[in-house]
Amino acid sequence: MQKGSVKSKMIWILSCITIFTVAVIIFFQIPYSPVRNEFQREAQRNLEQTAVYMQQGVFTEKDIEHLPEPVRNHFISAGLLGQPKMNSVKVFMPSVPLYQSKDSSPLILDYTLCLFVHPARLAYMTTSMFGLPFEAYDSTQEGVGFMRGVIGKVFTMFNETGPEMDRGQLLTWLGEAPLMPSIFLSEYITWEPIDAAHVRAALTYKGITGSGVFTFNADGFIQSFYTEDRARTGTDGSVDFHGWSAVMGGWIKDESGIYTPSSAKAVWHLPDGDLVYFEANNFRVVANTF
């Protein structure tokens, strides 16, 4: 009687463990993800919000007459004049290597970026770590930024917030403006000409300020954005200031006649040399589609 009772308990325990294990495996395999759902929900909400900030019509010479000459030349070189103003863009960058340091192996991830004409950006990354799904989601909305990492769909590994994250995310939005040129017309940006190939852009929004320098190549296209106001925030909460660049290249003409970049790099300029920690190639920029 007693032996049978122990055996029954063991069978019951093993059955529970088996059911739990199978349930976990199924949960990891199904497409559902709370993080992705949040990203998609916020992307749709911001897309609807662009109606408030709607820019009507097409880019005209009058729209850009207040901009420094290198920025005006970029609009001309990129074939933007006469083209519809975009209020949002979505960019999918597959199989992007992400490096934590120069000596580390990259984490290969799929990266989806959404930019909006009001200062907002959402980025969703997905890959796997230790055989488990890993997702990262960073954002700036209404001047509030964060960077969150989740493993196994529900376990938060890090969730970085605070003033430096707020400013860093806004400066990233500014640095990614070549992907959505409507940003250059933002009322929150002021311009300072430097020379024929460099222009400083200063951003002020929701009490947050920061600035950086756009560099233009010989063809008139934007080559990079450099700032020293963007903090490098570690997943352990550490904050350091180094130069940071967003580098755009591979300018190609799309079916509408607009030139857009097809390659993008994010670079930390560290004391021991540059760290290209993010590099995406062969991506497409799609306007106003989610």
Protein backbone atom coordinates (compact mmCIF):
# COMPACT_ATOMS: atom_id res chain seq x y z
CA MET A 1 0.00 0.00 0.00
CA GLN A 2 2.73 2.44 1.01
CA LYS A 3 4.98 1.42 -1.90
CA GLY A 4 2.09 1.90 -4.30
CA SER A 5 1.42 5.35 -2.86
CA VAL A 6 5.05 6.41 -3.33
CA LYS A 7 5.04 5.05 -6.88
CA SER A 8 1.84 6.93 -7.67
CA LYS A 9 3.35 10.18 -6.34
CA MET A 10 6.48 9.66 -8.44
CA ILE A 11 4.40 9.06 -11.54
CA TRP A 12 2.33 12.15 -10.76
CA ILE A 13 5.47 14.31 -10.27
CA LEU A 14 7.11 13.02 -13.47
CA SER A 15 3.87 13.60 -15.37
CA CYS A 16 3.71 17.20 -14.11
CA ILE A 17 7.36 17.80 -15.06
CA THR A 18 6.75 16.33 -18.52
CA ILE A 19 3.61 18.41 -19.07
CA PHE A 20 5.40 21.57 -17.89
CA THR A 21 8.39 20.89 -20.15
CA VAL A 22 6.18 20.28 -23.17
CA ALA A 23 4.17 23.43 -22.39
CA VAL A 24 7.35 25.52 -22.19
CA ILE A 25 8.64 24.12 -25.49
CA ILE A 26 5.31 24.85 -27.17
CA PHE A 27 5.26 28.37 -25.70
CA PHE A 28 8.72 29.07 -27.11
CA GLN A 29 7.70 27.75 -30.52
CA ILE A 30 4.42 29.59 -31.04
CA PRO A 31 4.62 33.00 -32.76
CA TYR A 32 2.99 34.86 -29.87
CA SER A 33 5.28 37.31 -28.09
CA PRO A 34 4.23 39.96 -25.54
CA VAL A 35 7.21 42.13 -26.51
CA ARG A 36 6.49 41.99 -30.24
CA ASN A 37 2.81 42.65 -29.61
CA GLU A 38 3.73 45.74 -27.57
CA PHE A 39 6.03 46.94 -30.34
CA GLN A 40 3.37 46.44 -33.02
CA ARG A 41 0.69 48.07 -30.89
CA GLU A 42 2.86 51.13 -30.21
CA ALA A 43 3.88 51.35 -33.88
CA GLN A 44 0.24 51.40 -34.93
CA ARG A 45 -0.62 53.99 -32.27
CA ASN A 46 2.19 56.28 -33.44
CA LEU A 47 1.17 55.78 -37.05
CA GLU A 48 -2.33 56.97 -36.18
CA GLN A 49 -0.84 59.87 -34.22
CA THR A 50 1.01 61.11 -37.31
CA ALA A 51 -2.33 62.45 -38.50
CA VAL A 52 -1.89 65.20 -35.92
CA TYR A 53 1.52 66.08 -37.36
CA MET A 54 0.56 65.38 -40.96
CA GLN A 55 2.79 67.08 -43.49
CA GLN A 56 0.77 67.80 -46.59
CA GLY A 57 1.86 67.67 -50.19
CA VAL A 58 5.33 67.21 -51.61
CA PHE A 59 8.79 68.51 -50.78
CA THR A 60 9.28 71.94 -52.36
CA GLU A 61 12.12 74.42 -52.64
CA LYS A 62 10.23 76.64 -50.20
CA ASP A 63 10.24 73.82 -47.61
CA ILE A 64 14.02 73.62 -47.64
CA GLU A 65 15.01 77.25 -48.21
CA HIS A 66 15.78 77.79 -44.51
CA LEU A 67 18.15 74.80 -44.38
CA PRO A 68 21.95 75.12 -44.75
CA GLU A 69 23.23 74.62 -48.27
CA PRO A 70 24.64 71.10 -47.73
CA VAL A 71 21.24 69.92 -46.46
CA ARG A 72 19.46 71.57 -49.41
CA ASN A 73 21.91 69.89 -51.76
CA HIS A 74 21.15 66.55 -50.12
CA PHE A 75 17.45 66.99 -50.88
CA ILE A 76 18.30 67.75 -54.50
CA SER A 77 20.81 64.89 -54.87
CA ALA A 78 18.39 62.42 -53.28
CA GLY A 79 15.63 63.40 -55.73
CA LEU A 80 13.30 64.47 -52.93
CA LEU A 81 11.90 67.67 -54.45
CA GLY A 82 8.45 67.00 -55.84
CA GLN A 83 8.14 63.76 -53.88
CA PRO A 84 5.45 63.19 -51.20
CA LYS A 85 6.45 64.03 -47.65
CA MET A 86 6.61 60.92 -45.49
CA ASN A 87 5.27 60.92 -41.94
CA SER A 88 6.66 57.54 -40.98
CA VAL A 89 8.90 54.81 -42.34
CA LYS A 90 9.49 51.15 -41.55
CA VAL A 91 12.84 49.48 -42.18
CA PHE A 92 13.46 45.74 -41.84
CA MET A 93 17.12 44.76 -41.51
CA PRO A 94 17.65 40.98 -41.51
CA SER A 95 20.62 39.10 -40.07
CA VAL A 96 22.39 42.09 -38.53
CA PRO A 97 25.56 41.41 -36.47
CA LEU A 98 25.57 43.10 -33.07
CA TYR A 99 28.88 43.32 -31.19
CA GLN A 100 29.31 44.01 -27.48
CA SER A 101 33.08 44.48 -27.86
CA LYS A 102 35.79 44.17 -30.49
CA ASP A 103 36.80 40.73 -29.27
CA SER A 104 33.33 39.26 -28.86
CA SER A 105 31.43 37.14 -31.35
CA PRO A 106 28.43 38.95 -32.81
CA LEU A 107 24.85 38.23 -31.95
CA ILE A 108 22.97 37.85 -35.26
CA LEU A 109 19.53 39.39 -35.07
CA ASP A 110 16.64 40.59 -37.20
CA TYR A 111 16.01 44.29 -36.68
CA THR A 112 12.85 46.26 -37.41
CA LEU A 113 12.95 50.04 -37.13
CA CYS A 114 10.02 52.46 -37.21
CA LEU A 115 10.56 56.21 -37.42
CA PHE A 116 7.90 58.91 -37.11
CA VAL A 117 7.92 62.57 -38.05
CA HIS A 118 7.02 63.62 -34.52
CA PRO A 119 10.11 62.68 -32.47
CA ALA A 120 9.41 58.99 -32.02
CA ARG A 121 11.28 55.80 -32.93
CA LEU A 122 10.66 52.16 -32.13
CA ALA A 123 13.12 49.34 -32.73
CA TYR A 124 12.45 45.63 -32.25
CA MET A 125 15.19 42.99 -32.38
CA THR A 126 14.83 39.23 -32.22
CA THR A 127 17.33 36.36 -32.05
CA SER A 128 18.11 33.46 -29.71
CA MET A 129 20.42 33.05 -26.73
CA PHE A 130 21.22 29.77 -24.97
CA GLY A 131 18.61 28.09 -27.13
CA LEU A 132 15.89 30.50 -25.95
CA PRO A 133 14.20 33.31 -27.88
CA PHE A 134 15.70 36.70 -27.05
CA GLU A 135 14.04 40.02 -27.89
CA ALA A 136 15.12 43.60 -27.42
CA TYR A 137 12.91 46.64 -27.73
CA ASP A 138 14.05 50.25 -27.55
CA SER A 139 12.01 53.35 -28.01
CA THR A 140 11.59 57.08 -27.64
CA GLN A 141 8.08 58.46 -27.34
CA GLU A 142 7.12 61.87 -25.96
CA GLY A 143 10.74 62.38 -24.90
CA VAL A 144 10.89 59.19 -22.81
CA GLY A 145 13.36 56.52 -23.89
CA PHE A 146 14.09 52.98 -22.80
CA MET A 147 16.01 49.87 -23.84
CA ARG A 148 14.63 46.49 -22.73
CA GLY A 149 15.86 42.94 -23.24
CA VAL A 150 13.66 39.89 -22.68
CA ILE A 151 14.64 36.21 -22.85
CA GLY A 152 12.20 33.35 -23.06
CA LYS A 153 9.47 35.89 -23.96
CA VAL A 154 8.76 36.77 -20.32
CA PHE A 155 12.02 37.13 -18.37
CA THR A 156 13.42 40.68 -18.41
CA MET A 157 17.22 40.71 -18.57
CA PHE A 158 17.58 44.49 -18.55
CA ASN A 159 15.38 47.58 -18.74
CA GLU A 160 17.43 50.76 -19.05
CA THR A 161 15.69 54.09 -18.50
CA GLY A 162 16.59 57.57 -17.27
CA PRO A 163 17.62 61.01 -18.56
CA GLU A 164 20.60 59.79 -20.58
CA MET A 165 18.51 57.12 -22.25
CA ASP A 166 15.89 59.77 -23.06
CA ARG A 167 18.49 61.96 -24.76
CA GLY A 168 20.32 59.06 -26.40
CA GLN A 169 17.19 57.72 -28.06
CA LEU A 170 16.24 61.18 -29.37
CA LEU A 171 19.72 61.67 -30.81
CA THR A 172 19.43 58.28 -32.48
CA TRP A 173 16.17 59.47 -34.07
CA LEU A 174 18.05 62.52 -35.36
CA GLY A 175 20.97 60.44 -36.61
CA GLU A 176 18.62 58.15 -38.52
CA ALA A 177 16.95 61.10 -40.30
CA PRO A 178 18.50 60.17 -43.69
CA LEU A 179 16.11 57.20 -43.64
CA MET A 180 13.18 59.63 -43.32
CA PRO A 181 14.08 63.10 -44.68
CA SER A 182 10.89 64.71 -43.32
CA ILE A 183 12.71 64.78 -39.98
CA PHE A 184 14.99 67.49 -41.38
CA LEU A 185 11.98 69.83 -41.52
CA SER A 186 11.16 69.30 -37.84
CA GLU A 187 10.44 72.40 -35.79
CA TYR A 188 12.54 70.88 -32.99
CA ILE A 189 15.79 71.08 -34.98
CA THR A 190 17.96 74.17 -35.44
CA TRP A 191 20.86 74.32 -37.88
CA GLU A 192 24.35 75.80 -37.84
CA PRO A 193 26.43 75.73 -41.05
CA ILE A 194 30.07 74.74 -40.53
CA ASP A 195 31.50 74.36 -44.04
CA ALA A 196 30.60 72.88 -47.42
CA ALA A 197 30.62 69.32 -46.06
CA HIS A 198 29.51 69.73 -42.42
CA VAL A 199 26.42 71.06 -40.65
CA ARG A 200 25.56 71.01 -36.97
CA ALA A 201 22.00 70.07 -35.98
CA ALA A 202 20.71 70.85 -32.49
CA LEU A 203 17.62 69.08 -31.16
CA THR A 204 15.38 70.45 -28.39
CA TYR A 205 12.31 68.49 -27.37
CA LYS A 206 10.40 68.04 -24.11
CA GLY A 207 13.20 69.80 -22.21
CA ILE A 208 15.87 67.51 -23.71
CA THR A 209 18.71 68.97 -25.75
CA GLY A 210 21.55 67.49 -27.77
CA SER A 211 23.41 68.11 -30.98
CA GLY A 212 25.59 66.49 -33.60
CA VAL A 213 27.28 67.07 -36.94
CA PHE A 214 26.12 65.74 -40.31
CA THR A 215 28.85 65.09 -42.87
CA PHE A 216 28.11 65.09 -46.62
CA ASN A 217 30.03 63.25 -49.34
CA ALA A 218 31.15 64.56 -52.72
CA ASP A 219 27.87 63.47 -54.34
CA GLY A 220 25.85 65.56 -51.90
CA PHE A 221 24.50 62.65 -49.89
CA ILE A 222 24.67 62.44 -46.11
CA GLN A 223 27.57 60.25 -45.09
CA SER A 224 27.36 60.28 -41.29
CA PHE A 225 26.05 61.86 -38.13
CA TYR A 226 28.44 62.32 -35.20
CA THR A 227 27.63 63.34 -31.63
CA GLU A 228 29.35 63.40 -28.27
CA ASP A 229 26.06 63.91 -26.40
CA ARG A 230 24.87 60.30 -26.62
CA ALA A 231 25.72 58.15 -23.59
CA ARG A 232 26.79 54.55 -23.91
CA THR A 233 24.49 52.77 -21.49
CA GLY A 234 25.46 49.25 -20.50
CA THR A 235 23.02 46.48 -19.62
CA ASP A 236 24.51 46.68 -16.10
CA GLY A 237 23.37 50.30 -15.79
CA SER A 238 26.79 51.85 -16.46
CA VAL A 239 26.91 55.17 -18.33
CA ASP A 240 29.90 56.42 -20.33
CA PHE A 241 30.30 59.21 -22.86
CA HIS A 242 32.16 58.59 -26.10
CA GLY A 243 31.76 59.84 -29.63
CA TRP A 244 28.99 58.03 -31.53
CA SER A 245 28.29 57.93 -35.25
CA ALA A 246 25.49 56.74 -37.49
CA VAL A 247 27.02 56.07 -40.91
CA MET A 248 24.86 55.77 -44.04
CA GLY A 249 25.96 54.51 -47.44
CA GLY A 250 25.02 52.57 -50.55
CA TRP A 251 22.65 55.24 -51.81
CA ILE A 252 20.37 53.68 -54.43
CA LYS A 253 17.36 54.95 -56.38
CA ASP A 254 14.03 53.31 -55.64
CA GLU A 255 11.10 52.89 -58.01
CA SER A 256 9.79 56.37 -57.16
CA GLY A 257 13.09 58.02 -58.04
CA ILE A 258 14.23 58.73 -54.47
CA TYR A 259 17.73 57.80 -53.36
CA THR A 260 17.84 56.03 -50.00
CA PRO A 261 20.72 54.39 -48.13
CA SER A 262 21.01 50.61 -48.29
CA SER A 263 23.68 50.28 -45.61
CA ALA A 264 23.90 51.63 -42.07
CA LYS A 265 26.48 51.36 -39.32
CA ALA A 266 26.47 52.43 -35.69
CA VAL A 267 29.92 53.20 -34.29
CA TRP A 268 31.27 53.96 -30.84
CA HIS A 269 34.52 55.95 -31.00
CA LEU A 270 36.26 54.47 -27.98
CA PRO A 271 39.69 55.39 -26.52
CA ASP A 272 41.20 52.15 -27.88
CA GLY A 273 39.68 52.55 -31.35
CA ASP A 274 36.35 52.46 -33.15
CA LEU A 275 33.80 49.76 -32.40
CA VAL A 276 31.39 49.14 -35.27
CA TYR A 277 28.80 47.41 -33.15
CA PHE A 278 25.93 47.37 -35.65
CA GLU A 279 26.05 46.99 -39.44
CA ALA A 280 23.07 46.43 -41.71
CA ASN A 281 23.11 46.00 -45.48
CA ASN A 282 20.67 45.51 -48.35
CA PHE A 283 17.59 46.77 -46.56
CA ARG A 284 14.59 48.67 -47.90
CA VAL A 285 12.92 51.76 -46.52
CA VAL A 286 9.12 51.65 -46.78
CA ALA A 287 7.19 54.86 -46.11
CA ASN A 288 3.87 55.04 -44.22
CA THR A 289 3.29 51.27 -44.08
CA PHE A 290 2.83 49.15 -40.94
